[in-house]
Amino acid sequence: MIRLEHVCRNFTVGDQIVPALDDISLEIGKGEYVSVMGPSGSGKSTLLNLVGLLDRPSSGAYTFDGIDVTHLTDAAQALFRREKIGFVFQFFHLVPRLTAIENIALPMLLAGMPREERKERSGKLLHDLGLEARANHKPDQLSGGQRQRVAIARAAVMKPALLLADEPTGNLDRASGMEVVSLLEKLNGEGMTLVLVTHDPEIGRRAARCIRMLDGRLD
């Protein structure tokens, strides 16, 4: 499903070129559950951003489901991202003025999906998450664990092929964090490919495969 071939990503800092990813070649199959671990600054988030088409490699090639997405236009990448990839971040990134159900429905609204289908899908996800009573609450009225569950529902509502999670438990207590991981694993069990970045060895070991990074390279 995902194939990276000799991918490098360099950043310019002052007059120096700093390699964030250094000759990464990696394949991730459809439906896999992969964790990515390594110390801060090892390139984990850069790798996730590149796989999620939020960034482009400085060199190398990226193929997704047999399609070379390396040099797609920004508009084409945005469309591909919307249809194929879901994101879960450490800091939730919910829209403060929208309710839980409105946040979940937002990707469907942007995709032009009919109102009734948006309502049905959002309601089902809220029910599955046990958040029906919180449907009309705004993010500042939700606990951290509830906000992350809403963020996961928003990421999953378009039924993406790939779900990317960057430190999804980083701002949560242990119990809430494990609930979030279990929810992500449930989505993986339903067929979504899951790539999860974490500092937590216990969470990293839960994946079927653990990729370790150091200094921008696969360790």
C-alpha atoms as a PDB file:
ATOM      1  CA  MET A   1       0.000   0.000   0.000  1.00  0.00           C
ATOM      2  CA  ILE A   2       2.725   2.459   1.043  1.00  0.00           C
ATOM      3  CA  ARG A   3       6.141   2.370  -0.565  1.00  0.00           C
ATOM      4  CA  LEU A   4       8.930   4.838   0.120  1.00  0.00           C
ATOM      5  CA  GLU A   5      12.082   4.519  -1.970  1.00  0.00           C
ATOM      6  CA  HIS A   6      15.280   6.278  -0.876  1.00  0.00           C
ATOM      7  CA  VAL A   7      13.342   9.192   0.568  1.00  0.00           C
ATOM      8  CA  CYS A   8      15.222  12.158   2.015  1.00  0.00           C
ATOM      9  CA  ARG A   9      13.809  15.305   3.582  1.00  0.00           C
ATOM     10  CA  ASN A  10      16.140  18.219   4.221  1.00  0.00           C
ATOM     11  CA  PHE A  11      15.435  21.511   5.958  1.00  0.00           C
ATOM     12  CA  THR A  12      17.456  24.691   5.653  1.00  0.00           C
ATOM     13  CA  VAL A  13      18.395  26.276   8.990  1.00  0.00           C
ATOM     14  CA  GLY A  14      20.333  29.485   8.467  1.00  0.00           C
ATOM     15  CA  ASP A  15      23.060  28.548   6.002  1.00  0.00           C
ATOM     16  CA  GLN A  16      23.016  24.857   6.904  1.00  0.00           C
ATOM     17  CA  ILE A  17      21.080  21.958   5.402  1.00  0.00           C
ATOM     18  CA  VAL A  18      19.726  19.677   8.132  1.00  0.00           C
ATOM     19  CA  PRO A  19      18.625  16.164   7.101  1.00  0.00           C
ATOM     20  CA  ALA A  20      15.385  15.165   8.863  1.00  0.00           C
ATOM     21  CA  LEU A  21      14.960  11.941   6.859  1.00  0.00           C
ATOM     22  CA  ASP A  22      17.996  10.224   5.391  1.00  0.00           C
ATOM     23  CA  ASP A  23      17.533   7.569   2.684  1.00  0.00           C
ATOM     24  CA  ILE A  24      14.334   5.975   3.992  1.00  0.00           C
ATOM     25  CA  SER A  25      13.057   2.915   2.113  1.00  0.00           C
ATOM     26  CA  LEU A  26       9.951   1.377   3.638  1.00  0.00           C
ATOM     27  CA  GLU A  27       6.891  -0.647   2.706  1.00  0.00           C
ATOM     28  CA  ILE A  28       3.654  -0.882   4.705  1.00  0.00           C
ATOM     29  CA  GLY A  29       0.988  -3.314   3.553  1.00  0.00           C
ATOM     30  CA  LYS A  30      -2.762  -2.809   3.389  1.00  0.00           C
ATOM     31  CA  GLY A  31      -4.389  -3.344   6.785  1.00  0.00           C
ATOM     32  CA  GLU A  32      -1.094  -3.375   8.715  1.00  0.00           C
ATOM     33  CA  TYR A  33      -0.697  -1.972  12.231  1.00  0.00           C
ATOM     34  CA  VAL A  34       2.697  -0.294  12.512  1.00  0.00           C
ATOM     35  CA  SER A  35       4.171   1.745  15.344  1.00  0.00           C
ATOM     36  CA  VAL A  36       7.029   4.217  14.825  1.00  0.00           C
ATOM     37  CA  MET A  37       9.327   4.835  17.785  1.00  0.00           C
ATOM     38  CA  GLY A  38      12.484   6.771  18.497  1.00  0.00           C
ATOM     39  CA  PRO A  39      13.822   9.693  20.544  1.00  0.00           C
ATOM     40  CA  SER A  40      12.698  13.275  19.990  1.00  0.00           C
ATOM     41  CA  GLY A  41      14.191  14.646  16.799  1.00  0.00           C
ATOM     42  CA  SER A  42      14.636  11.212  15.221  1.00  0.00           C
ATOM     43  CA  GLY A  43      12.323  12.040  12.301  1.00  0.00           C
ATOM     44  CA  LYS A  44       9.139  10.244  13.381  1.00  0.00           C
ATOM     45  CA  SER A  45       6.741  13.137  12.837  1.00  0.00           C
ATOM     46  CA  THR A  46       8.506  14.189   9.641  1.00  0.00           C
ATOM     47  CA  LEU A  47       7.994  10.670   8.309  1.00  0.00           C
ATOM     48  CA  LEU A  48       4.328  10.720   9.282  1.00  0.00           C
ATOM     49  CA  ASN A  49       3.788  14.141   7.656  1.00  0.00           C
ATOM     50  CA  LEU A  50       5.380  12.914   4.454  1.00  0.00           C
ATOM     51  CA  VAL A  51       3.317   9.702   4.375  1.00  0.00           C
ATOM     52  CA  GLY A  52       0.224  11.830   5.051  1.00  0.00           C
ATOM     53  CA  LEU A  53       1.034  14.158   2.124  1.00  0.00           C
ATOM     54  CA  LEU A  54       1.394  17.119   4.452  1.00  0.00           C
ATOM     55  CA  ASP A  55       4.990  17.455   3.265  1.00  0.00           C
ATOM     56  CA  ARG A  56       7.068  16.454   0.246  1.00  0.00           C
ATOM     57  CA  PRO A  57      10.395  14.614   0.085  1.00  0.00           C
ATOM     58  CA  SER A  58      13.494  16.478  -1.010  1.00  0.00           C
ATOM     59  CA  SER A  59      14.381  13.391  -3.044  1.00  0.00           C
ATOM     60  CA  GLY A  60      13.181   9.841  -3.507  1.00  0.00           C
ATOM     61  CA  ALA A  61       9.758   8.460  -4.431  1.00  0.00           C
ATOM     62  CA  TYR A  62       6.492   7.786  -2.596  1.00  0.00           C
ATOM     63  CA  THR A  63       3.923   5.368  -4.017  1.00  0.00           C
ATOM     64  CA  PHE A  64       0.446   4.927  -2.479  1.00  0.00           C
ATOM     65  CA  ASP A  65      -1.689   2.029  -3.746  1.00  0.00           C
ATOM     66  CA  GLY A  66       0.410   1.885  -6.888  1.00  0.00           C
ATOM     67  CA  ILE A  67       0.065   5.612  -7.577  1.00  0.00           C
ATOM     68  CA  ASP A  68       3.188   7.793  -7.553  1.00  0.00           C
ATOM     69  CA  VAL A  69       2.067  10.685  -5.347  1.00  0.00           C
ATOM     70  CA  THR A  70       5.501  12.300  -5.040  1.00  0.00           C
ATOM     71  CA  HIS A  71       4.946  15.074  -7.551  1.00  0.00           C
ATOM     72  CA  LEU A  72       1.174  15.515  -7.541  1.00  0.00           C
ATOM     73  CA  THR A  73       0.045  19.138  -7.536  1.00  0.00           C
ATOM     74  CA  ASP A  74      -0.968  20.634  -4.192  1.00  0.00           C
ATOM     75  CA  ALA A  75      -4.637  20.421  -5.218  1.00  0.00           C
ATOM     76  CA  ALA A  76      -4.310  16.782  -6.271  1.00  0.00           C
ATOM     77  CA  GLN A  77      -2.517  15.908  -3.033  1.00  0.00           C
ATOM     78  CA  ALA A  78      -5.234  17.641  -1.007  1.00  0.00           C
ATOM     79  CA  LEU A  79      -7.944  15.628  -2.785  1.00  0.00           C
ATOM     80  CA  PHE A  80      -6.007  12.390  -2.344  1.00  0.00           C
ATOM     81  CA  ARG A  81      -5.463  13.186   1.342  1.00  0.00           C
ATOM     82  CA  ARG A  82      -9.158  13.916   1.905  1.00  0.00           C
ATOM     83  CA  GLU A  83     -10.286  10.678   0.292  1.00  0.00           C
ATOM     84  CA  LYS A  84      -7.593   8.265   1.483  1.00  0.00           C
ATOM     85  CA  ILE A  85      -5.997   9.465   4.730  1.00  0.00           C
ATOM     86  CA  GLY A  86      -7.206  10.252   8.250  1.00  0.00           C
ATOM     87  CA  PHE A  87      -5.129  12.093  10.867  1.00  0.00           C
ATOM     88  CA  VAL A  88      -5.117  12.006  14.679  1.00  0.00           C
ATOM     89  CA  PHE A  89      -2.799  14.436  16.474  1.00  0.00           C
ATOM     90  CA  GLN A  90      -1.589  14.882  20.034  1.00  0.00           C
ATOM     91  CA  PHE A  91      -3.340  18.247  20.432  1.00  0.00           C
ATOM     92  CA  PHE A  92      -6.742  17.184  18.985  1.00  0.00           C
ATOM     93  CA  HIS A  93      -7.092  20.192  16.597  1.00  0.00           C
ATOM     94  CA  LEU A  94     -10.858  20.365  17.024  1.00  0.00           C
ATOM     95  CA  VAL A  95     -12.630  23.541  15.882  1.00  0.00           C
ATOM     96  CA  PRO A  96     -13.482  25.370  19.155  1.00  0.00           C
ATOM     97  CA  ARG A  97     -16.743  26.930  17.952  1.00  0.00           C
ATOM     98  CA  LEU A  98     -18.158  23.644  16.629  1.00  0.00           C
ATOM     99  CA  THR A  99     -19.915  20.979  18.695  1.00  0.00           C
ATOM    100  CA  ALA A 100     -18.674  17.392  18.866  1.00  0.00           C
ATOM    101  CA  ILE A 101     -21.056  16.224  16.164  1.00  0.00           C
ATOM    102  CA  GLU A 102     -20.229  19.238  13.965  1.00  0.00           C
ATOM    103  CA  ASN A 103     -16.496  18.544  14.313  1.00  0.00           C
ATOM    104  CA  ILE A 104     -17.024  14.937  13.256  1.00  0.00           C
ATOM    105  CA  ALA A 105     -19.166  15.999  10.287  1.00  0.00           C
ATOM    106  CA  LEU A 106     -16.701  18.656   9.071  1.00  0.00           C
ATOM    107  CA  PRO A 107     -14.749  16.454   6.598  1.00  0.00           C
ATOM    108  CA  MET A 108     -18.036  15.288   5.064  1.00  0.00           C
ATOM    109  CA  LEU A 109     -19.247  18.879   4.760  1.00  0.00           C
ATOM    110  CA  LEU A 110     -16.025  19.868   2.984  1.00  0.00           C
ATOM    111  CA  ALA A 111     -16.449  16.871   0.666  1.00  0.00           C
ATOM    112  CA  GLY A 112     -19.973  18.015  -0.265  1.00  0.00           C
ATOM    113  CA  MET A 113     -21.728  15.003   1.248  1.00  0.00           C
ATOM    114  CA  PRO A 114     -25.533  15.327   1.640  1.00  0.00           C
ATOM    115  CA  ARG A 115     -26.766  16.549   5.023  1.00  0.00           C
ATOM    116  CA  GLU A 116     -28.703  13.387   5.872  1.00  0.00           C
ATOM    117  CA  GLU A 117     -25.689  11.168   5.260  1.00  0.00           C
ATOM    118  CA  ARG A 118     -23.503  13.481   7.349  1.00  0.00           C
ATOM    119  CA  LYS A 119     -26.005  13.309  10.188  1.00  0.00           C
ATOM    120  CA  GLU A 120     -26.322   9.523   9.991  1.00  0.00           C
ATOM    121  CA  ARG A 121     -22.580   8.832   9.920  1.00  0.00           C
ATOM    122  CA  SER A 122     -21.771  11.321  12.682  1.00  0.00           C
ATOM    123  CA  GLY A 123     -24.551  10.011  14.899  1.00  0.00           C
ATOM    124  CA  LYS A 124     -23.436   6.411  14.476  1.00  0.00           C
ATOM    125  CA  LEU A 125     -19.857   7.247  15.403  1.00  0.00           C
ATOM    126  CA  LEU A 126     -20.977   9.173  18.483  1.00  0.00           C
ATOM    127  CA  HIS A 127     -23.073   6.186  19.510  1.00  0.00           C
ATOM    128  CA  ASP A 128     -20.172   3.765  18.956  1.00  0.00           C
ATOM    129  CA  LEU A 129     -17.911   6.008  21.047  1.00  0.00           C
ATOM    130  CA  GLY A 130     -20.426   6.351  23.875  1.00  0.00           C
ATOM    131  CA  LEU A 131     -20.546  10.116  23.349  1.00  0.00           C
ATOM    132  CA  GLU A 132     -24.173  10.603  22.332  1.00  0.00           C
ATOM    133  CA  ALA A 133     -24.843  12.679  25.447  1.00  0.00           C
ATOM    134  CA  ARG A 134     -21.963  14.975  24.430  1.00  0.00           C
ATOM    135  CA  ALA A 135     -23.032  15.490  20.814  1.00  0.00           C
ATOM    136  CA  ASN A 136     -23.838  19.169  21.275  1.00  0.00           C
ATOM    137  CA  HIS A 137     -20.941  19.984  23.603  1.00  0.00           C
ATOM    138  CA  LYS A 138     -18.060  22.117  22.353  1.00  0.00           C
ATOM    139  CA  PRO A 139     -14.444  20.975  22.834  1.00  0.00           C
ATOM    140  CA  ASP A 140     -13.902  23.056  25.986  1.00  0.00           C
ATOM    141  CA  GLN A 141     -16.816  21.174  27.568  1.00  0.00           C
ATOM    142  CA  LEU A 142     -15.196  17.787  26.959  1.00  0.00           C
ATOM    143  CA  SER A 143     -12.445  15.933  28.803  1.00  0.00           C
ATOM    144  CA  GLY A 144      -9.141  15.238  27.069  1.00  0.00           C
ATOM    145  CA  GLY A 145     -10.107  11.637  26.388  1.00  0.00           C
ATOM    146  CA  GLN A 146     -13.482  12.688  24.986  1.00  0.00           C
ATOM    147  CA  ARG A 147     -11.853  15.276  22.734  1.00  0.00           C
ATOM    148  CA  GLN A 148      -9.433  12.700  21.377  1.00  0.00           C
ATOM    149  CA  ARG A 149     -12.272  10.257  20.699  1.00  0.00           C
ATOM    150  CA  VAL A 150     -14.088  12.985  18.776  1.00  0.00           C
ATOM    151  CA  ALA A 151     -10.859  13.667  16.855  1.00  0.00           C
ATOM    152  CA  ILE A 152     -10.571   9.961  15.988  1.00  0.00           C
ATOM    153  CA  ALA A 153     -14.198   9.888  14.842  1.00  0.00           C
ATOM    154  CA  ARG A 154     -13.531  12.908  12.621  1.00  0.00           C
ATOM    155  CA  ALA A 155     -10.465  11.144  11.173  1.00  0.00           C
ATOM    156  CA  ALA A 156     -12.421   7.942  10.518  1.00  0.00           C
ATOM    157  CA  VAL A 157     -15.714   9.344   9.270  1.00  0.00           C
ATOM    158  CA  MET A 158     -14.648   9.395   5.611  1.00  0.00           C
ATOM    159  CA  LYS A 159     -13.571   5.738   5.926  1.00  0.00           C
ATOM    160  CA  PRO A 160      -9.966   6.370   4.866  1.00  0.00           C
ATOM    161  CA  ALA A 161      -7.662   3.569   3.782  1.00  0.00           C
ATOM    162  CA  LEU A 162      -4.881   4.911   6.017  1.00  0.00           C
ATOM    163  CA  LEU A 163      -5.064   6.284   9.558  1.00  0.00           C
ATOM    164  CA  LEU A 164      -2.050   8.210  10.879  1.00  0.00           C
ATOM    165  CA  ALA A 165      -1.776   8.902  14.614  1.00  0.00           C
ATOM    166  CA  ASP A 166       0.984  11.186  15.951  1.00  0.00           C
ATOM    167  CA  GLU A 167       1.416  10.725  19.727  1.00  0.00           C
ATOM    168  CA  PRO A 168      -2.376  10.348  20.168  1.00  0.00           C
ATOM    169  CA  THR A 169      -2.033   9.595  23.900  1.00  0.00           C
ATOM    170  CA  GLY A 170       0.561  12.275  24.662  1.00  0.00           C
ATOM    171  CA  ASN A 171      -1.872  14.629  26.447  1.00  0.00           C
ATOM    172  CA  LEU A 172      -3.957  11.974  28.192  1.00  0.00           C
ATOM    173  CA  ASP A 173      -3.848  10.102  31.474  1.00  0.00           C
ATOM    174  CA  ARG A 174      -3.054   6.393  31.304  1.00  0.00           C
ATOM    175  CA  ALA A 175      -6.637   5.131  31.364  1.00  0.00           C
ATOM    176  CA  SER A 176      -7.845   7.585  28.719  1.00  0.00           C
ATOM    177  CA  GLY A 177      -4.775   6.872  26.615  1.00  0.00           C
ATOM    178  CA  MET A 178      -5.431   3.147  26.556  1.00  0.00           C
ATOM    179  CA  GLU A 179      -9.073   3.762  25.612  1.00  0.00           C
ATOM    180  CA  VAL A 180      -7.860   5.830  22.660  1.00  0.00           C
ATOM    181  CA  VAL A 181      -5.369   3.144  21.578  1.00  0.00           C
ATOM    182  CA  SER A 182      -8.087   0.482  21.810  1.00  0.00           C
ATOM    183  CA  LEU A 183     -10.334   2.602  19.598  1.00  0.00           C
ATOM    184  CA  LEU A 184      -7.578   3.027  17.001  1.00  0.00           C
ATOM    185  CA  GLU A 185      -6.945  -0.716  17.100  1.00  0.00           C
ATOM    186  CA  LYS A 186     -10.646  -1.380  16.574  1.00  0.00           C
ATOM    187  CA  LEU A 187     -10.535   0.726  13.395  1.00  0.00           C
ATOM    188  CA  ASN A 188      -7.467  -1.208  12.268  1.00  0.00           C
ATOM    189  CA  GLY A 189      -9.387  -4.418  12.895  1.00  0.00           C
ATOM    190  CA  GLU A 190     -12.088  -3.112  10.550  1.00  0.00           C
ATOM    191  CA  GLY A 191      -9.528  -2.816   7.750  1.00  0.00           C
ATOM    192  CA  MET A 192      -7.859   0.591   8.102  1.00  0.00           C
ATOM    193  CA  THR A 193      -4.080   0.612   7.842  1.00  0.00           C
ATOM    194  CA  LEU A 194      -2.791   2.172  11.090  1.00  0.00           C
ATOM    195  CA  VAL A 195       0.553   3.939  11.533  1.00  0.00           C
ATOM    196  CA  LEU A 196       1.058   5.219  15.072  1.00  0.00           C
ATOM    197  CA  VAL A 197       3.944   7.372  16.327  1.00  0.00           C
ATOM    198  CA  THR A 198       4.592   7.007  20.056  1.00  0.00           C
ATOM    199  CA  HIS A 199       7.240   7.458  22.744  1.00  0.00           C
ATOM    200  CA  ASP A 200       5.527   4.851  24.929  1.00  0.00           C
ATOM    201  CA  PRO A 201       7.206   1.409  24.641  1.00  0.00           C
ATOM    202  CA  GLU A 202       4.104  -0.372  25.964  1.00  0.00           C
ATOM    203  CA  ILE A 203       1.927   1.164  23.247  1.00  0.00           C
ATOM    204  CA  GLY A 204       4.608   0.624  20.593  1.00  0.00           C
ATOM    205  CA  ARG A 205       4.789  -3.092  21.399  1.00  0.00           C
ATOM    206  CA  ARG A 206       1.064  -3.501  20.759  1.00  0.00           C
ATOM    207  CA  ALA A 207       1.571  -3.021  17.018  1.00  0.00           C
ATOM    208  CA  ALA A 208       2.138  -5.964  14.720  1.00  0.00           C
ATOM    209  CA  ARG A 209       5.372  -4.288  13.571  1.00  0.00           C
ATOM    210  CA  CYS A 210       7.520  -1.660  15.252  1.00  0.00           C
ATOM    211  CA  ILE A 211       9.729   0.654  13.185  1.00  0.00           C
ATOM    212  CA  ARG A 212      12.517   2.355  15.102  1.00  0.00           C
ATOM    213  CA  MET A 213      14.132   5.603  13.992  1.00  0.00           C
ATOM    214  CA  LEU A 214      17.347   7.346  14.962  1.00  0.00           C
ATOM    215  CA  ASP A 215      18.808  10.522  13.429  1.00  0.00           C
ATOM    216  CA  GLY A 216      16.455  10.438  10.471  1.00  0.00           C
ATOM    217  CA  ARG A 217      17.198   6.840   9.533  1.00  0.00           C
ATOM    218  CA  LEU A 218      15.535   3.510  10.153  1.00  0.00           C
ATOM    219  CA  ASP A 219      17.418   1.969  13.069  1.00  0.00           C
END
